[in-house]
Amino acid sequence: MARPFADILRELGGGNTYEDLTAKLAEVVAAVTETRKIGEISIKLKVKPNGDGSVIIADEIKTKVPEPPRGDSVFFVTSGGSLVRQDPRQQDLPLRRVDAAVPGAA
Protein backbone atom coordinates (compact mmCIF):
# COMPACT_ATOMS: atom_id res chain seq x y z
CA MET A 1 0.00 0.00 0.00
CA ALA A 2 1.23 3.51 -0.83
CA ARG A 3 2.14 5.88 1.93
CA PRO A 4 -0.73 8.26 2.88
CA PHE A 5 -0.78 11.52 0.93
CA ALA A 6 -1.02 13.56 4.14
CA ASP A 7 2.30 12.11 5.31
CA ILE A 8 4.00 13.14 2.07
CA LEU A 9 2.39 16.59 2.22
CA ARG A 10 3.78 17.17 5.72
CA GLU A 11 7.31 16.50 4.44
CA LEU A 12 7.22 18.56 1.23
CA GLY A 13 9.63 21.48 1.32
CA GLY A 14 10.94 20.42 4.70
CA GLY A 15 7.49 21.01 6.22
CA ASN A 16 7.21 24.54 4.80
CA THR A 17 4.60 23.54 2.22
CA TYR A 18 2.30 22.19 4.94
CA GLU A 19 2.76 25.34 7.05
CA ASP A 20 2.16 27.58 4.02
CA LEU A 21 -1.02 25.69 3.13
CA THR A 22 -2.27 26.00 6.69
CA ALA A 23 -1.61 29.77 6.76
CA LYS A 24 -3.09 30.36 3.31
CA LEU A 25 -6.20 28.33 4.11
CA ALA A 26 -6.74 30.41 7.26
CA GLU A 27 -6.33 33.60 5.18
CA VAL A 28 -8.88 32.44 2.60
CA VAL A 29 -11.38 31.31 5.25
CA ALA A 30 -11.12 34.67 7.07
CA ALA A 31 -11.67 36.60 3.83
CA VAL A 32 -14.60 34.38 2.80
CA THR A 33 -16.19 34.87 6.22
CA GLU A 34 -15.70 38.64 6.03
CA THR A 35 -16.77 39.20 2.42
CA ARG A 36 -19.22 36.31 2.02
CA LYS A 37 -17.60 35.69 -1.38
CA ILE A 38 -16.00 32.52 -2.74
CA GLY A 39 -12.28 31.94 -2.24
CA GLU A 40 -9.96 29.21 -3.52
CA ILE A 41 -6.77 27.47 -2.56
CA SER A 42 -5.04 24.96 -4.79
CA ILE A 43 -1.82 23.01 -4.73
CA LYS A 44 -0.07 21.69 -7.79
CA LEU A 45 2.54 18.96 -7.50
CA LYS A 46 5.02 18.22 -10.28
CA VAL A 47 6.69 14.84 -9.97
CA LYS A 48 9.90 14.51 -12.01
CA PRO A 49 12.17 11.51 -12.35
CA ASN A 50 15.58 11.95 -10.77
CA GLY A 51 17.22 9.16 -12.76
CA ASP A 52 18.37 6.95 -9.88
CA GLY A 53 15.07 5.46 -8.74
CA SER A 54 14.10 8.64 -6.91
CA VAL A 55 11.74 11.47 -7.85
CA ILE A 56 11.70 15.20 -7.30
CA ILE A 57 8.41 16.77 -6.21
CA ALA A 58 7.95 20.49 -6.77
CA ASP A 59 4.91 22.20 -5.29
CA GLU A 60 3.04 25.35 -6.21
CA ILE A 61 0.35 26.91 -4.03
CA LYS A 62 -2.16 29.38 -5.44
CA THR A 63 -4.92 31.23 -3.66
CA LYS A 64 -7.79 33.43 -4.71
CA VAL A 65 -8.58 35.54 -1.68
CA PRO A 66 -11.84 37.47 -2.00
CA GLU A 67 -11.52 41.16 -1.34
CA PRO A 68 -14.09 43.40 0.29
CA PRO A 69 -15.77 45.88 -2.03
CA ARG A 70 -13.86 49.12 -2.26
CA GLY A 71 -16.91 51.34 -2.58
CA ASP A 72 -17.65 54.13 -5.01
CA SER A 73 -17.00 57.85 -4.69
CA VAL A 74 -19.21 60.57 -6.09
CA PHE A 75 -17.53 63.53 -7.77
CA PHE A 76 -19.06 66.52 -9.50
CA VAL A 77 -17.69 67.95 -12.72
CA THR A 78 -17.08 71.69 -12.78
CA SER A 79 -17.56 73.83 -15.87
CA GLY A 80 -13.78 73.66 -16.37
CA GLY A 81 -13.80 69.85 -16.29
CA SER A 82 -12.30 69.41 -12.81
CA LEU A 83 -13.61 66.85 -10.36
CA VAL A 84 -14.77 68.10 -6.94
CA ARG A 85 -16.54 66.45 -4.01
CA GLN A 86 -19.07 69.23 -3.40
CA ASP A 87 -21.71 70.08 -6.00
CA PRO A 88 -20.62 73.45 -7.45
CA ARG A 89 -24.29 74.26 -8.21
CA GLN A 90 -25.25 73.91 -4.55
CA GLN A 91 -25.19 77.06 -2.44
CA ASP A 92 -23.38 77.05 0.90
CA LEU A 93 -25.55 77.46 3.96
CA PRO A 94 -24.38 80.10 6.47
CA LEU A 95 -23.98 77.61 9.33
CA ARG A 96 -22.53 78.62 12.67
CA ARG A 97 -21.62 76.75 15.85
CA VAL A 98 -24.08 76.83 18.72
CA ASP A 99 -22.86 75.78 22.16
CA ALA A 100 -25.14 73.32 23.97
CA ALA A 101 -26.93 74.69 27.01
CA VAL A 102 -25.79 73.32 30.37
CA PRO A 103 -28.76 71.81 32.30
CA GLY A 104 -29.64 73.79 35.44
CA ALA A 105 -27.77 76.91 34.32
CA ALA A 106 -29.76 80.11 34.05
PDB file of N, CA and C in Angstrom:
ATOM      1  N   MET A   1       0.835  -1.180   0.000  1.00  0.00           N
ATOM      2  CA  MET A   1       0.000   0.000   0.000  1.00  0.00           C
ATOM      3  C   MET A   1       0.886   1.252   0.000  1.00  0.00           C
ATOM      4  N   ALA A   2       0.472   2.252  -0.738  1.00  0.00           N
ATOM      5  CA  ALA A   2       1.227   3.506  -0.828  1.00  0.00           C
ATOM      6  C   ALA A   2       1.114   4.278   0.483  1.00  0.00           C
ATOM      7  N   ARG A   3       2.116   5.037   0.734  1.00  0.00           N
ATOM      8  CA  ARG A   3       2.143   5.879   1.931  1.00  0.00           C
ATOM      9  C   ARG A   3       1.041   6.934   1.827  1.00  0.00           C
ATOM     10  N   PRO A   4       0.353   7.272   2.921  1.00  0.00           N
ATOM     11  CA  PRO A   4      -0.726   8.259   2.875  1.00  0.00           C
ATOM     12  C   PRO A   4      -0.242   9.619   2.350  1.00  0.00           C
ATOM     13  N   PHE A   5      -1.094  10.225   1.531  1.00  0.00           N
ATOM     14  CA  PHE A   5      -0.780  11.520   0.932  1.00  0.00           C
ATOM     15  C   PHE A   5      -0.477  12.571   2.000  1.00  0.00           C
ATOM     16  N   ALA A   6      -1.231  12.576   3.078  1.00  0.00           N
ATOM     17  CA  ALA A   6      -1.025  13.564   4.142  1.00  0.00           C
ATOM     18  C   ALA A   6       0.387  13.475   4.717  1.00  0.00           C
ATOM     19  N   ASP A   7       0.932  12.271   4.806  1.00  0.00           N
ATOM     20  CA  ASP A   7       2.299  12.107   5.310  1.00  0.00           C
ATOM     21  C   ASP A   7       3.309  12.749   4.366  1.00  0.00           C
ATOM     22  N   ILE A   8       3.106  12.549   3.071  1.00  0.00           N
ATOM     23  CA  ILE A   8       4.000  13.138   2.072  1.00  0.00           C
ATOM     24  C   ILE A   8       3.877  14.663   2.114  1.00  0.00           C
ATOM     25  N   LEU A   9       2.640  15.155   2.196  1.00  0.00           N
ATOM     26  CA  LEU A   9       2.389  16.592   2.222  1.00  0.00           C
ATOM     27  C   LEU A   9       3.105  17.253   3.392  1.00  0.00           C
ATOM     28  N   ARG A  10       3.116  16.603   4.538  1.00  0.00           N
ATOM     29  CA  ARG A  10       3.781  17.173   5.717  1.00  0.00           C
ATOM     30  C   ARG A  10       5.293  17.302   5.528  1.00  0.00           C
ATOM     31  N   GLU A  11       5.865  16.490   4.634  1.00  0.00           N
ATOM     32  CA  GLU A  11       7.311  16.499   4.439  1.00  0.00           C
ATOM     33  C   GLU A  11       7.770  17.338   3.252  1.00  0.00           C
ATOM     34  N   LEU A  12       6.842  17.757   2.388  1.00  0.00           N
ATOM     35  CA  LEU A  12       7.224  18.563   1.230  1.00  0.00           C
ATOM     36  C   LEU A  12       7.877  19.865   1.674  1.00  0.00           C
ATOM     37  N   GLY A  13       8.944  20.226   1.007  1.00  0.00           N
ATOM     38  CA  GLY A  13       9.631  21.481   1.321  1.00  0.00           C
ATOM     39  C   GLY A  13      10.127  21.549   2.747  1.00  0.00           C
ATOM     40  N   GLY A  14      10.459  20.435   3.324  1.00  0.00           N
ATOM     41  CA  GLY A  14      10.940  20.417   4.700  1.00  0.00           C
ATOM     42  C   GLY A  14       9.874  20.842   5.701  1.00  0.00           C
ATOM     43  N   GLY A  15       8.599  20.630   5.341  1.00  0.00           N
ATOM     44  CA  GLY A  15       7.495  21.011   6.221  1.00  0.00           C
ATOM     45  C   GLY A  15       6.933  22.391   5.922  1.00  0.00           C
ATOM     46  N   ASN A  16       7.659  23.177   5.120  1.00  0.00           N
ATOM     47  CA  ASN A  16       7.215  24.540   4.803  1.00  0.00           C
ATOM     48  C   ASN A  16       5.941  24.548   3.963  1.00  0.00           C
ATOM     49  N   THR A  17       5.799  23.586   3.064  1.00  0.00           N
ATOM     50  CA  THR A  17       4.599  23.536   2.220  1.00  0.00           C
ATOM     51  C   THR A  17       3.360  23.355   3.082  1.00  0.00           C
ATOM     52  N   TYR A  18       3.434  22.451   4.039  1.00  0.00           N
ATOM     53  CA  TYR A  18       2.300  22.186   4.940  1.00  0.00           C
ATOM     54  C   TYR A  18       1.960  23.433   5.754  1.00  0.00           C
ATOM     55  N   GLU A  19       2.980  24.118   6.274  1.00  0.00           N
ATOM     56  CA  GLU A  19       2.765  25.336   7.047  1.00  0.00           C
ATOM     57  C   GLU A  19       2.175  26.443   6.175  1.00  0.00           C
ATOM     58  N   ASP A  20       2.686  26.571   4.942  1.00  0.00           N
ATOM     59  CA  ASP A  20       2.158  27.582   4.016  1.00  0.00           C
ATOM     60  C   ASP A  20       0.700  27.308   3.678  1.00  0.00           C
ATOM     61  N   LEU A  21       0.363  26.049   3.435  1.00  0.00           N
ATOM     62  CA  LEU A  21      -1.025  25.686   3.129  1.00  0.00           C
ATOM     63  C   LEU A  21      -1.938  26.019   4.309  1.00  0.00           C
ATOM     64  N   THR A  22      -1.483  25.721   5.495  1.00  0.00           N
ATOM     65  CA  THR A  22      -2.273  26.003   6.694  1.00  0.00           C
ATOM     66  C   THR A  22      -2.529  27.503   6.824  1.00  0.00           C
ATOM     67  N   ALA A  23      -1.482  28.315   6.646  1.00  0.00           N
ATOM     68  CA  ALA A  23      -1.609  29.768   6.757  1.00  0.00           C
ATOM     69  C   ALA A  23      -2.494  30.333   5.649  1.00  0.00           C
ATOM     70  N   LYS A  24      -2.308  29.849   4.433  1.00  0.00           N
ATOM     71  CA  LYS A  24      -3.094  30.360   3.306  1.00  0.00           C
ATOM     72  C   LYS A  24      -4.558  29.953   3.421  1.00  0.00           C
ATOM     73  N   LEU A  25      -4.822  28.756   3.913  1.00  0.00           N
ATOM     74  CA  LEU A  25      -6.202  28.329   4.111  1.00  0.00           C
ATOM     75  C   LEU A  25      -6.882  29.217   5.151  1.00  0.00           C
ATOM     76  N   ALA A  26      -6.185  29.525   6.229  1.00  0.00           N
ATOM     77  CA  ALA A  26      -6.744  30.410   7.257  1.00  0.00           C
ATOM     78  C   ALA A  26      -7.031  31.792   6.673  1.00  0.00           C
ATOM     79  N   GLU A  27      -6.141  32.291   5.820  1.00  0.00           N
ATOM     80  CA  GLU A  27      -6.329  33.599   5.181  1.00  0.00           C
ATOM     81  C   GLU A  27      -7.572  33.592   4.286  1.00  0.00           C
ATOM     82  N   VAL A  28      -7.728  32.538   3.496  1.00  0.00           N
ATOM     83  CA  VAL A  28      -8.883  32.435   2.596  1.00  0.00           C
ATOM     84  C   VAL A  28     -10.176  32.320   3.404  1.00  0.00           C
ATOM     85  N   VAL A  29     -10.177  31.495   4.426  1.00  0.00           N
ATOM     86  CA  VAL A  29     -11.378  31.314   5.252  1.00  0.00           C
ATOM     87  C   VAL A  29     -11.778  32.635   5.913  1.00  0.00           C
ATOM     88  N   ALA A  30     -10.816  33.382   6.434  1.00  0.00           N
ATOM     89  CA  ALA A  30     -11.120  34.667   7.069  1.00  0.00           C
ATOM     90  C   ALA A  30     -11.722  35.647   6.058  1.00  0.00           C
ATOM     91  N   ALA A  31     -11.163  35.688   4.858  1.00  0.00           N
ATOM     92  CA  ALA A  31     -11.672  36.603   3.830  1.00  0.00           C
ATOM     93  C   ALA A  31     -13.058  36.180   3.349  1.00  0.00           C
ATOM     94  N   VAL A  32     -13.292  34.884   3.217  1.00  0.00           N
ATOM     95  CA  VAL A  32     -14.604  34.382   2.799  1.00  0.00           C
ATOM     96  C   VAL A  32     -15.647  34.725   3.862  1.00  0.00           C
ATOM     97  N   THR A  33     -15.276  34.553   5.124  1.00  0.00           N
ATOM     98  CA  THR A  33     -16.186  34.870   6.221  1.00  0.00           C
ATOM     99  C   THR A  33     -16.517  36.359   6.239  1.00  0.00           C
ATOM    100  N   GLU A  34     -15.508  37.193   6.002  1.00  0.00           N
ATOM    101  CA  GLU A  34     -15.705  38.641   6.034  1.00  0.00           C
ATOM    102  C   GLU A  34     -16.506  39.146   4.835  1.00  0.00           C
ATOM    103  N   THR A  35     -16.154  38.667   3.638  1.00  0.00           N
ATOM    104  CA  THR A  35     -16.771  39.200   2.416  1.00  0.00           C
ATOM    105  C   THR A  35     -17.993  38.426   1.953  1.00  0.00           C
ATOM    106  N   ARG A  36     -18.156  37.203   2.456  1.00  0.00           N
ATOM    107  CA  ARG A  36     -19.225  36.307   2.020  1.00  0.00           C
ATOM    108  C   ARG A  36     -19.132  36.019   0.525  1.00  0.00           C
ATOM    109  N   LYS A  37     -17.900  36.014   0.010  1.00  0.00           N
ATOM    110  CA  LYS A  37     -17.604  35.686  -1.380  1.00  0.00           C
ATOM    111  C   LYS A  37     -16.790  34.405  -1.418  1.00  0.00           C
ATOM    112  N   ILE A  38     -16.715  33.789  -2.580  1.00  0.00           N
ATOM    113  CA  ILE A  38     -15.995  32.520  -2.742  1.00  0.00           C
ATOM    114  C   ILE A  38     -14.498  32.761  -2.836  1.00  0.00           C
ATOM    115  N   GLY A  39     -13.729  31.920  -2.162  1.00  0.00           N
ATOM    116  CA  GLY A  39     -12.275  31.939  -2.240  1.00  0.00           C
ATOM    117  C   GLY A  39     -11.787  30.569  -2.687  1.00  0.00           C
ATOM    118  N   GLU A  40     -10.531  30.489  -3.065  1.00  0.00           N
ATOM    119  CA  GLU A  40      -9.964  29.214  -3.517  1.00  0.00           C
ATOM    120  C   GLU A  40      -8.538  29.054  -3.013  1.00  0.00           C
ATOM    121  N   ILE A  41      -8.166  27.816  -2.822  1.00  0.00           N
ATOM    122  CA  ILE A  41      -6.773  27.473  -2.562  1.00  0.00           C
ATOM    123  C   ILE A  41      -6.499  26.188  -3.331  1.00  0.00           C
ATOM    124  N   SER A  42      -5.372  26.160  -4.022  1.00  0.00           N
ATOM    125  CA  SER A  42      -5.036  24.959  -4.787  1.00  0.00           C
ATOM    126  C   SER A  42      -3.545  24.686  -4.654  1.00  0.00           C
ATOM    127  N   ILE A  43      -3.218  23.418  -4.749  1.00  0.00           N
ATOM    128  CA  ILE A  43      -1.815  23.010  -4.729  1.00  0.00           C
ATOM    129  C   ILE A  43      -1.575  22.157  -5.969  1.00  0.00           C
ATOM    130  N   LYS A  44      -0.459  22.429  -6.599  1.00  0.00           N
ATOM    131  CA  LYS A  44      -0.072  21.686  -7.795  1.00  0.00           C
ATOM    132  C   LYS A  44       1.250  20.997  -7.474  1.00  0.00           C
ATOM    133  N   LEU A  45       1.314  19.727  -7.733  1.00  0.00           N
ATOM    134  CA  LEU A  45       2.539  18.964  -7.500  1.00  0.00           C
ATOM    135  C   LEU A  45       3.080  18.473  -8.828  1.00  0.00           C
ATOM    136  N   LYS A  46       4.348  18.741  -9.092  1.00  0.00           N
ATOM    137  CA  LYS A  46       5.021  18.218 -10.277  1.00  0.00           C
ATOM    138  C   LYS A  46       5.989  17.149  -9.795  1.00  0.00           C
ATOM    139  N   VAL A  47       5.826  15.965 -10.343  1.00  0.00           N
ATOM    140  CA  VAL A  47       6.693  14.842  -9.972  1.00  0.00           C
ATOM    141  C   VAL A  47       7.601  14.550 -11.159  1.00  0.00           C
ATOM    142  N   LYS A  48       8.921  14.700 -10.937  1.00  0.00           N
ATOM    143  CA  LYS A  48       9.895  14.507 -12.012  1.00  0.00           C
ATOM    144  C   LYS A  48      10.841  13.362 -11.643  1.00  0.00           C
ATOM    145  N   PRO A  49      11.198  12.568 -12.642  1.00  0.00           N
ATOM    146  CA  PRO A  49      12.172  11.506 -12.347  1.00  0.00           C
ATOM    147  C   PRO A  49      13.535  12.115 -12.058  1.00  0.00           C
ATOM    148  N   ASN A  50      14.251  11.482 -11.141  1.00  0.00           N
ATOM    149  CA  ASN A  50      15.582  11.955 -10.774  1.00  0.00           C
ATOM    150  C   ASN A  50      16.671  11.068 -11.376  1.00  0.00           C
ATOM    151  N   GLY A  51      16.266   9.994 -12.043  1.00  0.00           N
ATOM    152  CA  GLY A  51      17.219   9.156 -12.763  1.00  0.00           C
ATOM    153  C   GLY A  51      17.858   8.037 -11.975  1.00  0.00           C
ATOM    154  N   ASP A  52      17.719   8.011 -10.679  1.00  0.00           N
ATOM    155  CA  ASP A  52      18.374   6.955  -9.884  1.00  0.00           C
ATOM    156  C   ASP A  52      17.357   6.205  -9.021  1.00  0.00           C
ATOM    157  N   GLY A  53      16.120   6.124  -9.500  1.00  0.00           N
ATOM    158  CA  GLY A  53      15.066   5.459  -8.740  1.00  0.00           C
ATOM    159  C   GLY A  53      14.369   6.397  -7.764  1.00  0.00           C
ATOM    160  N   SER A  54      14.745   7.666  -7.773  1.00  0.00           N
ATOM    161  CA  SER A  54      14.096   8.645  -6.908  1.00  0.00           C
ATOM    162  C   SER A  54      13.323   9.641  -7.778  1.00  0.00           C
ATOM    163  N   VAL A  55      12.497  10.431  -7.146  1.00  0.00           N
ATOM    164  CA  VAL A  55      11.737  11.468  -7.852  1.00  0.00           C
ATOM    165  C   VAL A  55      11.905  12.790  -7.116  1.00  0.00           C
ATOM    166  N   ILE A  56      11.684  13.850  -7.861  1.00  0.00           N
ATOM    167  CA  ILE A  56      11.703  15.197  -7.296  1.00  0.00           C
ATOM    168  C   ILE A  56      10.275  15.718  -7.367  1.00  0.00           C
ATOM    169  N   ILE A  57       9.764  16.223  -6.233  1.00  0.00           N
ATOM    170  CA  ILE A  57       8.414  16.774  -6.205  1.00  0.00           C
ATOM    171  C   ILE A  57       8.523  18.274  -5.951  1.00  0.00           C
ATOM    172  N   ALA A  58       7.997  19.030  -6.903  1.00  0.00           N
ATOM    173  CA  ALA A  58       7.952  20.494  -6.770  1.00  0.00           C
ATOM    174  C   ALA A  58       6.502  20.883  -6.530  1.00  0.00           C
ATOM    175  N   ASP A  59       6.288  21.787  -5.593  1.00  0.00           N
ATOM    176  CA  ASP A  59       4.914  22.198  -5.288  1.00  0.00           C
ATOM    177  C   ASP A  59       4.697  23.659  -5.633  1.00  0.00           C
ATOM    178  N   GLU A  60       3.451  23.979  -5.930  1.00  0.00           N
ATOM    179  CA  GLU A  60       3.042  25.353  -6.211  1.00  0.00           C
ATOM    180  C   GLU A  60       1.690  25.563  -5.538  1.00  0.00           C
ATOM    181  N   ILE A  61       1.599  26.601  -4.736  1.00  0.00           N
ATOM    182  CA  ILE A  61       0.355  26.915  -4.029  1.00  0.00           C
ATOM    183  C   ILE A  61      -0.204  28.207  -4.608  1.00  0.00           C
ATOM    184  N   LYS A  62      -1.491  28.182  -4.938  1.00  0.00           N
ATOM    185  CA  LYS A  62      -2.156  29.381  -5.444  1.00  0.00           C
ATOM    186  C   LYS A  62      -3.421  29.621  -4.635  1.00  0.00           C
ATOM    187  N   THR A  63      -3.693  30.878  -4.371  1.00  0.00           N
ATOM    188  CA  THR A  63      -4.917  31.231  -3.661  1.00  0.00           C
ATOM    189  C   THR A  63      -5.647  32.335  -4.407  1.00  0.00           C
ATOM    190  N   LYS A  64      -6.951  32.330  -4.247  1.00  0.00           N
ATOM    191  CA  LYS A  64      -7.788  33.432  -4.707  1.00  0.00           C
ATOM    192  C   LYS A  64      -8.526  33.910  -3.462  1.00  0.00           C
ATOM    193  N   VAL A  65      -8.025  34.996  -2.916  1.00  0.00           N
ATOM    194  CA  VAL A  65      -8.579  35.542  -1.678  1.00  0.00           C
ATOM    195  C   VAL A  65      -9.594  36.629  -2.051  1.00  0.00           C
ATOM    196  N   PRO A  66     -10.850  36.441  -1.665  1.00  0.00           N
ATOM    197  CA  PRO A  66     -11.836  37.473  -1.999  1.00  0.00           C
ATOM    198  C   PRO A  66     -11.546  38.769  -1.261  1.00  0.00           C
ATOM    199  N   GLU A  67     -11.776  39.862  -1.938  1.00  0.00           N
ATOM    200  CA  GLU A  67     -11.517  41.164  -1.338  1.00  0.00           C
ATOM    201  C   GLU A  67     -12.833  41.878  -1.063  1.00  0.00           C
ATOM    202  N   PRO A  68     -12.872  42.638   0.006  1.00  0.00           N
ATOM    203  CA  PRO A  68     -14.092  43.398   0.288  1.00  0.00           C
ATOM    204  C   PRO A  68     -14.294  44.460  -0.789  1.00  0.00           C
ATOM    205  N   PRO A  69     -15.538  44.835  -1.026  1.00  0.00           N
ATOM    206  CA  PRO A  69     -15.774  45.875  -2.026  1.00  0.00           C
ATOM    207  C   PRO A  69     -15.116  47.182  -1.599  1.00  0.00           C
ATOM    208  N   ARG A  70     -14.575  47.890  -2.567  1.00  0.00           N
ATOM    209  CA  ARG A  70     -13.856  49.122  -2.257  1.00  0.00           C
ATOM    210  C   ARG A  70     -14.789  50.309  -2.127  1.00  0.00           C
ATOM    211  N   GLY A  71     -15.964  50.226  -2.684  1.00  0.00           N
ATOM    212  CA  GLY A  71     -16.907  51.336  -2.580  1.00  0.00           C
ATOM    213  C   GLY A  71     -16.679  52.368  -3.674  1.00  0.00           C
ATOM    214  N   ASP A  72     -17.705  53.100  -3.978  1.00  0.00           N
ATOM    215  CA  ASP A  72     -17.653  54.125  -5.010  1.00  0.00           C
ATOM    216  C   ASP A  72     -17.554  55.502  -4.375  1.00  0.00           C
ATOM    217  N   SER A  73     -17.073  56.461  -5.137  1.00  0.00           N
ATOM    218  CA  SER A  73     -16.998  57.847  -4.690  1.00  0.00           C
ATOM    219  C   SER A  73     -17.709  58.720  -5.713  1.00  0.00           C
ATOM    220  N   VAL A  74     -18.496  59.652  -5.219  1.00  0.00           N
ATOM    221  CA  VAL A  74     -19.213  60.571  -6.092  1.00  0.00           C
ATOM    222  C   VAL A  74     -18.400  61.852  -6.229  1.00  0.00           C
ATOM    223  N   PHE A  75     -18.187  62.271  -7.472  1.00  0.00           N
ATOM    224  CA  PHE A  75     -17.525  63.532  -7.774  1.00  0.00           C
ATOM    225  C   PHE A  75     -18.427  64.333  -8.699  1.00  0.00           C
ATOM    226  N   PHE A  76     -18.320  65.630  -8.604  1.00  0.00           N
ATOM    227  CA  PHE A  76     -19.056  66.520  -9.499  1.00  0.00           C
ATOM    228  C   PHE A  76     -18.063  67.126 -10.473  1.00  0.00           C
ATOM    229  N   VAL A  77     -18.540  67.391 -11.683  1.00  0.00           N
ATOM    230  CA  VAL A  77     -17.686  67.953 -12.723  1.00  0.00           C
ATOM    231  C   VAL A  77     -17.972  69.444 -12.819  1.00  0.00           C
ATOM    232  N   THR A  78     -16.914  70.242 -12.675  1.00  0.00           N
ATOM    233  CA  THR A  78     -17.080  71.694 -12.782  1.00  0.00           C
ATOM    234  C   THR A  78     -17.151  72.092 -14.249  1.00  0.00           C
ATOM    235  N   SER A  79     -17.475  73.344 -14.486  1.00  0.00           N
ATOM    236  CA  SER A  79     -17.561  73.826 -15.867  1.00  0.00           C
ATOM    237  C   SER A  79     -16.203  73.744 -16.565  1.00  0.00           C
ATOM    238  N   GLY A  80     -15.122  73.779 -15.795  1.00  0.00           N
ATOM    239  CA  GLY A  80     -13.778  73.659 -16.370  1.00  0.00           C
ATOM    240  C   GLY A  80     -13.316  72.219 -16.530  1.00  0.00           C
ATOM    241  N   GLY A  81     -14.156  71.260 -16.129  1.00  0.00           N
ATOM    242  CA  GLY A  81     -13.804  69.850 -16.288  1.00  0.00           C
ATOM    243  C   GLY A  81     -13.084  69.230 -15.109  1.00  0.00           C
ATOM    244  N   SER A  82     -12.945  69.962 -14.012  1.00  0.00           N
ATOM    245  CA  SER A  82     -12.297  69.406 -12.813  1.00  0.00           C
ATOM    246  C   SER A  82     -13.300  68.577 -12.019  1.00  0.00           C
ATOM    247  N   LEU A  83     -12.776  67.668 -11.234  1.00  0.00           N
ATOM    248  CA  LEU A  83     -13.610  66.849 -10.361  1.00  0.00           C
ATOM    249  C   LEU A  83     -13.531  67.392  -8.943  1.00  0.00           C
ATOM    250  N   VAL A  84     -14.708  67.607  -8.318  1.00  0.00           N
ATOM    251  CA  VAL A  84     -14.770  68.095  -6.943  1.00  0.00           C
ATOM    252  C   VAL A  84     -15.777  67.267  -6.171  1.00  0.00           C
ATOM    253  N   ARG A  85     -15.645  67.251  -4.849  1.00  0.00           N
ATOM    254  CA  ARG A  85     -16.536  66.450  -4.006  1.00  0.00           C
ATOM    255  C   ARG A  85     -17.846  67.159  -3.693  1.00  0.00           C
ATOM    256  N   GLN A  86     -17.845  68.497  -3.690  1.00  0.00           N
ATOM    257  CA  GLN A  86     -19.074  69.234  -3.398  1.00  0.00           C
ATOM    258  C   GLN A  86     -19.679  69.734  -4.705  1.00  0.00           C
ATOM    259  N   ASP A  87     -20.994  69.646  -4.812  1.00  0.00           N
ATOM    260  CA  ASP A  87     -21.710  70.078  -6.001  1.00  0.00           C
ATOM    261  C   ASP A  87     -21.519  71.585  -6.178  1.00  0.00           C
ATOM    262  N   PRO A  88     -20.863  72.018  -7.263  1.00  0.00           N
ATOM    263  CA  PRO A  88     -20.617  73.445  -7.449  1.00  0.00           C
ATOM    264  C   PRO A  88     -21.907  74.232  -7.689  1.00  0.00           C
ATOM    265  N   ARG A  89     -23.000  73.578  -8.003  1.00  0.00           N
ATOM    266  CA  ARG A  89     -24.289  74.259  -8.214  1.00  0.00           C
ATOM    267  C   ARG A  89     -25.035  74.464  -6.904  1.00  0.00           C
ATOM    268  N   GLN A  90     -24.580  73.824  -5.847  1.00  0.00           N
ATOM    269  CA  GLN A  90     -25.252  73.905  -4.554  1.00  0.00           C
ATOM    270  C   GLN A  90     -24.715  75.089  -3.764  1.00  0.00           C
ATOM    271  N   GLN A  91     -25.610  75.916  -3.241  1.00  0.00           N
ATOM    272  CA  GLN A  91     -25.194  77.055  -2.437  1.00  0.00           C
ATOM    273  C   GLN A  91     -24.748  76.583  -1.055  1.00  0.00           C
ATOM    274  N   ASP A  92     -23.815  77.331  -0.467  1.00  0.00           N
ATOM    275  CA  ASP A  92     -23.375  77.050   0.899  1.00  0.00           C
ATOM    276  C   ASP A  92     -24.368  77.662   1.870  1.00  0.00           C
ATOM    277  N   LEU A  93     -24.690  76.932   2.911  1.00  0.00           N
ATOM    278  CA  LEU A  93     -25.554  77.461   3.961  1.00  0.00           C
ATOM    279  C   LEU A  93     -24.694  78.203   4.980  1.00  0.00           C
ATOM    280  N   PRO A  94     -25.164  79.344   5.484  1.00  0.00           N
ATOM    281  CA  PRO A  94     -24.380  80.100   6.473  1.00  0.00           C
ATOM    282  C   PRO A  94     -24.524  79.454   7.859  1.00  0.00           C
ATOM    283  N   LEU A  95     -23.891  78.329   8.050  1.00  0.00           N
ATOM    284  CA  LEU A  95     -23.984  77.605   9.326  1.00  0.00           C
ATOM    285  C   LEU A  95     -23.018  78.199  10.332  1.00  0.00           C
ATOM    286  N   ARG A  96     -23.409  78.154  11.608  1.00  0.00           N
ATOM    287  CA  ARG A  96     -22.531  78.622  12.675  1.00  0.00           C
ATOM    288  C   ARG A  96     -22.654  77.659  13.845  1.00  0.00           C
ATOM    289  N   ARG A  97     -21.658  77.638  14.694  1.00  0.00           N
ATOM    290  CA  ARG A  97     -21.624  76.753  15.847  1.00  0.00           C
ATOM    291  C   ARG A  97     -22.481  77.322  16.967  1.00  0.00           C
ATOM    292  N   VAL A  98     -23.269  76.449  17.579  1.00  0.00           N
ATOM    293  CA  VAL A  98     -24.077  76.832  18.723  1.00  0.00           C
ATOM    294  C   VAL A  98     -23.668  75.936  19.882  1.00  0.00           C
ATOM    295  N   ASP A  99     -23.248  76.544  20.992  1.00  0.00           N
ATOM    296  CA  ASP A  99     -22.860  75.776  22.161  1.00  0.00           C
ATOM    297  C   ASP A  99     -24.104  75.204  22.824  1.00  0.00           C
ATOM    298  N   ALA A 100     -24.004  73.967  23.295  1.00  0.00           N
ATOM    299  CA  ALA A 100     -25.136  73.324  23.972  1.00  0.00           C
ATOM    300  C   ALA A 100     -25.353  73.977  25.341  1.00  0.00           C
ATOM    301  N   ALA A 101     -26.600  74.120  25.702  1.00  0.00           N
ATOM    302  CA  ALA A 101     -26.929  74.695  27.008  1.00  0.00           C
ATOM    303  C   ALA A 101     -26.618  73.698  28.094  1.00  0.00           C
ATOM    304  N   VAL A 102     -26.104  74.177  29.219  1.00  0.00           N
ATOM    305  CA  VAL A 102     -25.793  73.320  30.366  1.00  0.00           C
ATOM    306  C   VAL A 102     -27.058  73.195  31.196  1.00  0.00           C
ATOM    307  N   PRO A 103     -27.531  71.950  31.497  1.00  0.00           N
ATOM    308  CA  PRO A 103     -28.757  71.810  32.297  1.00  0.00           C
ATOM    309  C   PRO A 103     -28.597  72.461  33.676  1.00  0.00           C
ATOM    310  N   GLY A 104     -29.642  73.177  34.117  1.00  0.00           N
ATOM    311  CA  GLY A 104     -29.641  73.792  35.439  1.00  0.00           C
ATOM    312  C   GLY A 104     -28.997  75.181  35.457  1.00  0.00           C
ATOM    313  N   ALA A 105     -28.372  75.574  34.361  1.00  0.00           N
ATOM    314  CA  ALA A 105     -27.766  76.914  34.319  1.00  0.00           C
ATOM    315  C   ALA A 105     -28.806  77.915  33.853  1.00  0.00           C
ATOM    316  N   ALA A 106     -28.781  79.097  34.417  1.00  0.00           N
ATOM    317  CA  ALA A 106     -29.765  80.105  34.049  1.00  0.00           C
ATOM    318  C   ALA A 106     -29.137  81.254  33.345  1.00  0.00           C
TER     319      ALA A 106
END
